[in-house]
Amino acid sequence: MAFTVIDNPDFRKFNARSGFKNHHFKMLAGLFSRASSLKTLYDMAVDVDFDEGTCSVTYYQSGNYTPYLQFIVRHIGPHTDMYELYKEGKGRIAKSGLFQRIYERLEKEISILSE
């Protein structure tokens, strides 16, 4: 009886690191460009801390540079990232392990601001 190792290339996809991808950042940047064209948001800043495993995308409403909305990505495990959304004056308004859920909430907050 011989043992053969079956190499399934699709299995490697499941071992890949999950989390914040390039297209997620492009979605956040696109949201800012749409909001800035409507004069809703003034500026956007990205801060990455590799030691802490965090990335924050901060949106500013005016030129005095007080953060209005902040989208934070935290690497909390080997295959797990947590997404949080903070709003000025309210603190954390959303927290989820799914990017899309927090992104939809961010879109909602920016659309409320543009009304």
N, C-alpha and C. Protein backbone atom coordinates (compact mmCIF):
# COMPACT_ATOMS: atom_id res chain seq x y z
N MET A 1 0.84 -1.17 0.00
CA MET A 1 0.00 0.00 0.00
C MET A 1 0.89 1.24 0.00
N ALA A 2 0.66 2.13 -0.92
CA ALA A 2 1.46 3.35 -1.03
C ALA A 2 0.59 4.55 -0.66
N PHE A 3 1.21 5.46 0.03
CA PHE A 3 0.53 6.70 0.39
C PHE A 3 0.93 7.78 -0.59
N THR A 4 -0.04 8.45 -1.11
CA THR A 4 0.24 9.56 -2.01
C THR A 4 -0.30 10.84 -1.39
N VAL A 5 0.45 11.89 -1.57
CA VAL A 5 0.04 13.19 -1.05
C VAL A 5 -0.69 13.92 -2.17
N ILE A 6 -1.89 14.32 -1.86
CA ILE A 6 -2.68 15.05 -2.83
C ILE A 6 -2.48 16.53 -2.56
N ASP A 7 -2.00 17.24 -3.55
CA ASP A 7 -1.77 18.67 -3.41
C ASP A 7 -2.91 19.41 -4.08
N ASN A 8 -3.73 20.02 -3.29
CA ASN A 8 -4.86 20.78 -3.80
C ASN A 8 -4.52 22.26 -3.73
N PRO A 9 -4.30 22.91 -4.87
CA PRO A 9 -3.92 24.34 -4.82
C PRO A 9 -4.99 25.24 -4.24
N ASP A 10 -6.26 24.84 -4.32
CA ASP A 10 -7.32 25.66 -3.73
C ASP A 10 -7.26 25.66 -2.21
N PHE A 11 -6.63 24.64 -1.62
CA PHE A 11 -6.54 24.57 -0.17
C PHE A 11 -5.64 25.68 0.38
N ARG A 12 -4.66 26.10 -0.41
CA ARG A 12 -3.75 27.16 0.04
C ARG A 12 -4.47 28.49 0.21
N LYS A 13 -5.56 28.68 -0.51
CA LYS A 13 -6.32 29.92 -0.36
C LYS A 13 -6.88 30.06 1.05
N PHE A 14 -7.23 28.92 1.66
CA PHE A 14 -7.82 28.97 2.99
C PHE A 14 -6.77 29.24 4.06
N ASN A 15 -5.51 28.99 3.77
CA ASN A 15 -4.44 29.27 4.72
C ASN A 15 -3.90 30.68 4.57
N ALA A 16 -4.34 31.39 3.56
CA ALA A 16 -3.86 32.76 3.35
C ALA A 16 -4.35 33.67 4.46
N ARG A 17 -3.57 34.69 4.74
CA ARG A 17 -3.93 35.63 5.80
C ARG A 17 -5.16 36.42 5.38
N SER A 18 -6.12 36.42 6.25
CA SER A 18 -7.33 37.20 5.99
C SER A 18 -7.08 38.64 6.39
N GLY A 19 -8.02 39.48 6.08
CA GLY A 19 -7.92 40.83 6.59
C GLY A 19 -7.96 41.91 5.55
N PHE A 20 -7.35 43.01 5.89
CA PHE A 20 -7.39 44.24 5.12
C PHE A 20 -6.58 44.09 3.84
N LYS A 21 -7.25 44.16 2.72
CA LYS A 21 -6.62 43.97 1.41
C LYS A 21 -6.51 45.31 0.68
N ASN A 22 -5.82 45.29 -0.42
CA ASN A 22 -5.62 46.49 -1.22
C ASN A 22 -6.94 47.05 -1.74
N HIS A 23 -7.84 46.17 -2.16
CA HIS A 23 -9.11 46.68 -2.69
C HIS A 23 -9.98 47.29 -1.59
N HIS A 24 -9.78 46.87 -0.32
CA HIS A 24 -10.49 47.52 0.79
C HIS A 24 -10.02 48.97 0.93
N PHE A 25 -8.70 49.16 0.85
CA PHE A 25 -8.18 50.53 0.94
C PHE A 25 -8.68 51.38 -0.22
N LYS A 26 -8.75 50.80 -1.40
CA LYS A 26 -9.25 51.54 -2.56
C LYS A 26 -10.72 51.92 -2.38
N MET A 27 -11.49 51.06 -1.71
CA MET A 27 -12.89 51.39 -1.44
C MET A 27 -12.97 52.59 -0.49
N LEU A 28 -12.13 52.60 0.56
CA LEU A 28 -12.12 53.71 1.51
C LEU A 28 -11.65 55.00 0.85
N ALA A 29 -10.65 54.92 -0.01
CA ALA A 29 -10.16 56.10 -0.72
C ALA A 29 -11.20 56.60 -1.71
N GLY A 30 -11.91 55.69 -2.36
CA GLY A 30 -12.96 56.09 -3.29
C GLY A 30 -14.11 56.77 -2.59
N LEU A 31 -14.44 56.28 -1.39
CA LEU A 31 -15.49 56.91 -0.60
C LEU A 31 -15.09 58.33 -0.23
N PHE A 32 -13.82 58.52 0.13
CA PHE A 32 -13.35 59.87 0.45
C PHE A 32 -13.40 60.77 -0.78
N SER A 33 -12.99 60.26 -1.93
CA SER A 33 -12.98 61.12 -3.12
C SER A 33 -14.39 61.54 -3.53
N ARG A 34 -15.36 60.64 -3.34
CA ARG A 34 -16.75 61.02 -3.63
C ARG A 34 -17.23 62.08 -2.65
N ALA A 35 -16.90 61.89 -1.35
CA ALA A 35 -17.34 62.85 -0.33
C ALA A 35 -16.63 64.19 -0.48
N SER A 36 -15.37 64.18 -0.87
CA SER A 36 -14.67 65.45 -1.03
C SER A 36 -15.15 66.21 -2.26
N SER A 37 -15.60 65.49 -3.28
CA SER A 37 -16.14 66.18 -4.45
C SER A 37 -17.46 66.89 -4.12
N LEU A 38 -18.16 66.38 -3.10
CA LEU A 38 -19.40 67.03 -2.64
C LEU A 38 -19.12 68.05 -1.54
N LYS A 39 -17.83 68.27 -1.23
CA LYS A 39 -17.40 69.20 -0.17
C LYS A 39 -17.90 68.77 1.20
N THR A 40 -18.07 67.46 1.39
CA THR A 40 -18.50 66.92 2.68
C THR A 40 -17.31 66.68 3.59
N LEU A 41 -16.26 66.10 3.06
CA LEU A 41 -15.05 65.83 3.83
C LEU A 41 -13.90 66.67 3.28
N TYR A 42 -13.00 67.04 4.19
CA TYR A 42 -11.91 67.94 3.83
C TYR A 42 -10.61 67.19 3.54
N ASP A 43 -10.27 66.21 4.36
CA ASP A 43 -8.99 65.52 4.22
C ASP A 43 -9.10 64.10 4.76
N MET A 44 -8.12 63.28 4.37
CA MET A 44 -8.05 61.89 4.83
C MET A 44 -6.60 61.59 5.18
N ALA A 45 -6.39 60.91 6.31
CA ALA A 45 -5.03 60.54 6.72
C ALA A 45 -5.00 59.06 7.03
N VAL A 46 -3.89 58.41 6.68
CA VAL A 46 -3.71 56.98 6.94
C VAL A 46 -2.51 56.83 7.86
N ASP A 47 -2.68 56.09 8.95
CA ASP A 47 -1.61 55.85 9.90
C ASP A 47 -1.50 54.34 10.12
N VAL A 48 -0.31 53.78 9.90
CA VAL A 48 -0.09 52.35 10.07
C VAL A 48 0.95 52.14 11.15
N ASP A 49 0.63 51.31 12.14
CA ASP A 49 1.56 50.95 13.20
C ASP A 49 1.80 49.45 13.11
N PHE A 50 2.94 49.07 12.56
CA PHE A 50 3.23 47.65 12.35
C PHE A 50 3.51 46.93 13.67
N ASP A 51 4.05 47.64 14.67
CA ASP A 51 4.32 47.02 15.97
C ASP A 51 3.03 46.64 16.68
N GLU A 52 2.04 47.52 16.63
CA GLU A 52 0.76 47.27 17.28
C GLU A 52 -0.19 46.45 16.41
N GLY A 53 0.05 46.41 15.12
CA GLY A 53 -0.83 45.70 14.20
C GLY A 53 -2.12 46.46 13.92
N THR A 54 -2.02 47.79 13.82
CA THR A 54 -3.21 48.60 13.56
C THR A 54 -3.00 49.48 12.33
N CYS A 55 -4.10 49.79 11.70
CA CYS A 55 -4.13 50.74 10.59
C CYS A 55 -5.36 51.61 10.80
N SER A 56 -5.17 52.91 10.77
CA SER A 56 -6.32 53.80 10.95
C SER A 56 -6.42 54.74 9.75
N VAL A 57 -7.64 54.88 9.29
CA VAL A 57 -7.96 55.82 8.22
C VAL A 57 -8.86 56.88 8.85
N THR A 58 -8.37 58.11 8.89
CA THR A 58 -9.08 59.19 9.57
C THR A 58 -9.61 60.17 8.54
N TYR A 59 -10.88 60.53 8.69
CA TYR A 59 -11.53 61.49 7.79
C TYR A 59 -11.76 62.78 8.56
N TYR A 60 -11.40 63.90 7.93
CA TYR A 60 -11.55 65.22 8.55
C TYR A 60 -12.64 65.99 7.82
N GLN A 61 -13.49 66.65 8.61
CA GLN A 61 -14.61 67.40 8.05
C GLN A 61 -14.22 68.83 7.72
N SER A 62 -13.27 69.39 8.45
CA SER A 62 -12.90 70.78 8.23
C SER A 62 -11.39 70.94 8.31
N GLY A 63 -10.93 72.15 8.06
CA GLY A 63 -9.51 72.43 8.02
C GLY A 63 -8.83 72.52 9.37
N ASN A 64 -9.57 72.45 10.47
CA ASN A 64 -8.92 72.54 11.78
C ASN A 64 -8.39 71.19 12.25
N TYR A 65 -8.53 70.17 11.43
CA TYR A 65 -7.95 68.84 11.64
C TYR A 65 -8.34 68.19 12.96
N THR A 66 -9.61 68.25 13.29
CA THR A 66 -10.13 67.39 14.34
C THR A 66 -10.79 66.20 13.64
N PRO A 67 -10.44 64.98 14.03
CA PRO A 67 -10.97 63.82 13.32
C PRO A 67 -12.49 63.72 13.45
N TYR A 68 -13.17 63.56 12.34
CA TYR A 68 -14.62 63.40 12.37
C TYR A 68 -15.00 61.92 12.39
N LEU A 69 -14.45 61.14 11.49
CA LEU A 69 -14.67 59.69 11.46
C LEU A 69 -13.32 59.00 11.39
N GLN A 70 -13.22 57.86 12.08
CA GLN A 70 -11.97 57.11 12.06
C GLN A 70 -12.28 55.63 11.88
N PHE A 71 -11.71 55.04 10.84
CA PHE A 71 -11.87 53.63 10.51
C PHE A 71 -10.59 52.93 10.94
N ILE A 72 -10.70 51.97 11.88
CA ILE A 72 -9.51 51.32 12.43
C ILE A 72 -9.56 49.83 12.12
N VAL A 73 -8.42 49.30 11.68
CA VAL A 73 -8.25 47.87 11.45
C VAL A 73 -7.25 47.37 12.48
N ARG A 74 -7.65 46.37 13.27
CA ARG A 74 -6.75 45.79 14.28
C ARG A 74 -6.51 44.32 13.96
N HIS A 75 -5.25 43.94 13.92
CA HIS A 75 -4.89 42.53 13.72
C HIS A 75 -4.87 41.88 15.09
N ILE A 76 -5.87 41.03 15.38
CA ILE A 76 -6.01 40.48 16.73
C ILE A 76 -5.67 39.01 16.83
N GLY A 77 -5.39 38.36 15.74
CA GLY A 77 -5.03 36.95 15.77
C GLY A 77 -4.31 36.57 14.49
N PRO A 78 -3.88 35.32 14.39
CA PRO A 78 -3.13 34.93 13.19
C PRO A 78 -3.95 35.01 11.91
N HIS A 79 -5.23 34.81 11.99
CA HIS A 79 -6.10 34.88 10.81
C HIS A 79 -7.31 35.76 11.06
N THR A 80 -7.20 36.70 12.00
CA THR A 80 -8.36 37.49 12.39
C THR A 80 -8.03 38.98 12.46
N ASP A 81 -8.88 39.78 11.85
CA ASP A 81 -8.79 41.23 11.96
C ASP A 81 -10.13 41.76 12.45
N MET A 82 -10.07 42.85 13.20
CA MET A 82 -11.27 43.49 13.71
C MET A 82 -11.34 44.90 13.14
N TYR A 83 -12.53 45.29 12.71
CA TYR A 83 -12.75 46.60 12.11
C TYR A 83 -13.63 47.42 13.06
N GLU A 84 -13.23 48.67 13.29
CA GLU A 84 -13.96 49.55 14.20
C GLU A 84 -14.17 50.90 13.53
N LEU A 85 -15.27 51.55 13.89
CA LEU A 85 -15.58 52.87 13.36
C LEU A 85 -15.86 53.80 14.54
N TYR A 86 -15.14 54.91 14.59
CA TYR A 86 -15.30 55.91 15.64
C TYR A 86 -15.81 57.20 15.03
N LYS A 87 -16.65 57.90 15.80
CA LYS A 87 -17.20 59.18 15.36
C LYS A 87 -16.93 60.22 16.43
N GLU A 88 -16.64 61.44 16.00
CA GLU A 88 -16.37 62.53 16.92
C GLU A 88 -17.58 62.78 17.81
N GLY A 89 -17.36 62.82 19.11
CA GLY A 89 -18.42 63.10 20.06
C GLY A 89 -19.21 61.88 20.50
N LYS A 90 -19.13 60.78 19.78
CA LYS A 90 -19.88 59.58 20.14
C LYS A 90 -19.00 58.41 20.55
N GLY A 91 -17.76 58.40 20.13
CA GLY A 91 -16.88 57.27 20.41
C GLY A 91 -17.10 56.17 19.38
N ARG A 92 -16.90 54.92 19.81
CA ARG A 92 -17.04 53.81 18.87
C ARG A 92 -18.51 53.58 18.55
N ILE A 93 -18.84 53.63 17.27
CA ILE A 93 -20.24 53.45 16.86
C ILE A 93 -20.45 52.11 16.17
N ALA A 94 -19.37 51.42 15.79
CA ALA A 94 -19.52 50.11 15.15
C ALA A 94 -18.24 49.31 15.32
N LYS A 95 -18.42 47.99 15.47
CA LYS A 95 -17.29 47.07 15.59
C LYS A 95 -17.72 45.74 15.00
N SER A 96 -16.87 45.18 14.13
CA SER A 96 -17.23 43.92 13.49
C SER A 96 -15.98 43.24 12.96
N GLY A 97 -16.08 41.95 12.73
CA GLY A 97 -15.02 41.19 12.09
C GLY A 97 -15.15 41.20 10.59
N LEU A 98 -16.22 41.81 10.07
CA LEU A 98 -16.46 41.86 8.63
C LEU A 98 -16.25 43.28 8.11
N PHE A 99 -15.40 43.42 7.12
CA PHE A 99 -15.11 44.73 6.55
C PHE A 99 -16.36 45.37 5.97
N GLN A 100 -17.15 44.60 5.24
CA GLN A 100 -18.30 45.15 4.52
C GLN A 100 -19.31 45.79 5.47
N ARG A 101 -19.49 45.20 6.64
CA ARG A 101 -20.46 45.73 7.61
C ARG A 101 -20.05 47.12 8.09
N ILE A 102 -18.78 47.29 8.40
CA ILE A 102 -18.30 48.59 8.88
C ILE A 102 -18.24 49.60 7.74
N TYR A 103 -17.91 49.13 6.55
CA TYR A 103 -17.87 50.02 5.38
C TYR A 103 -19.26 50.58 5.08
N GLU A 104 -20.28 49.74 5.18
CA GLU A 104 -21.65 50.22 4.94
C GLU A 104 -22.05 51.25 5.98
N ARG A 105 -21.64 51.06 7.23
CA ARG A 105 -21.94 52.03 8.28
C ARG A 105 -21.20 53.35 8.02
N LEU A 106 -19.96 53.26 7.53
CA LEU A 106 -19.20 54.46 7.18
C LEU A 106 -19.87 55.21 6.04
N GLU A 107 -20.34 54.50 5.04
CA GLU A 107 -21.07 55.13 3.93
C GLU A 107 -22.32 55.84 4.44
N LYS A 108 -23.01 55.19 5.37
CA LYS A 108 -24.23 55.78 5.94
C LYS A 108 -23.92 57.07 6.69
N GLU A 109 -22.86 57.06 7.50
CA GLU A 109 -22.48 58.26 8.26
C GLU A 109 -22.08 59.40 7.33
N ILE A 110 -21.38 59.10 6.26
CA ILE A 110 -20.97 60.15 5.32
C ILE A 110 -22.16 60.66 4.53
N SER A 111 -23.11 59.78 4.20
CA SER A 111 -24.30 60.25 3.48
C SER A 111 -25.17 61.13 4.37
N ILE A 112 -25.24 60.83 5.67
CA ILE A 112 -25.97 61.69 6.61
C ILE A 112 -25.31 63.06 6.68
N LEU A 113 -23.99 63.07 6.64
CA LEU A 113 -23.24 64.32 6.71
C LEU A 113 -23.46 65.18 5.47
N SER A 114 -23.65 64.55 4.33
CA SER A 114 -23.80 65.32 3.08
C SER A 114 -25.21 65.85 2.87
N GLU A 115 -26.15 65.43 3.70
CA GLU A 115 -27.54 65.91 3.55
C GLU A 115 -27.72 67.29 4.13
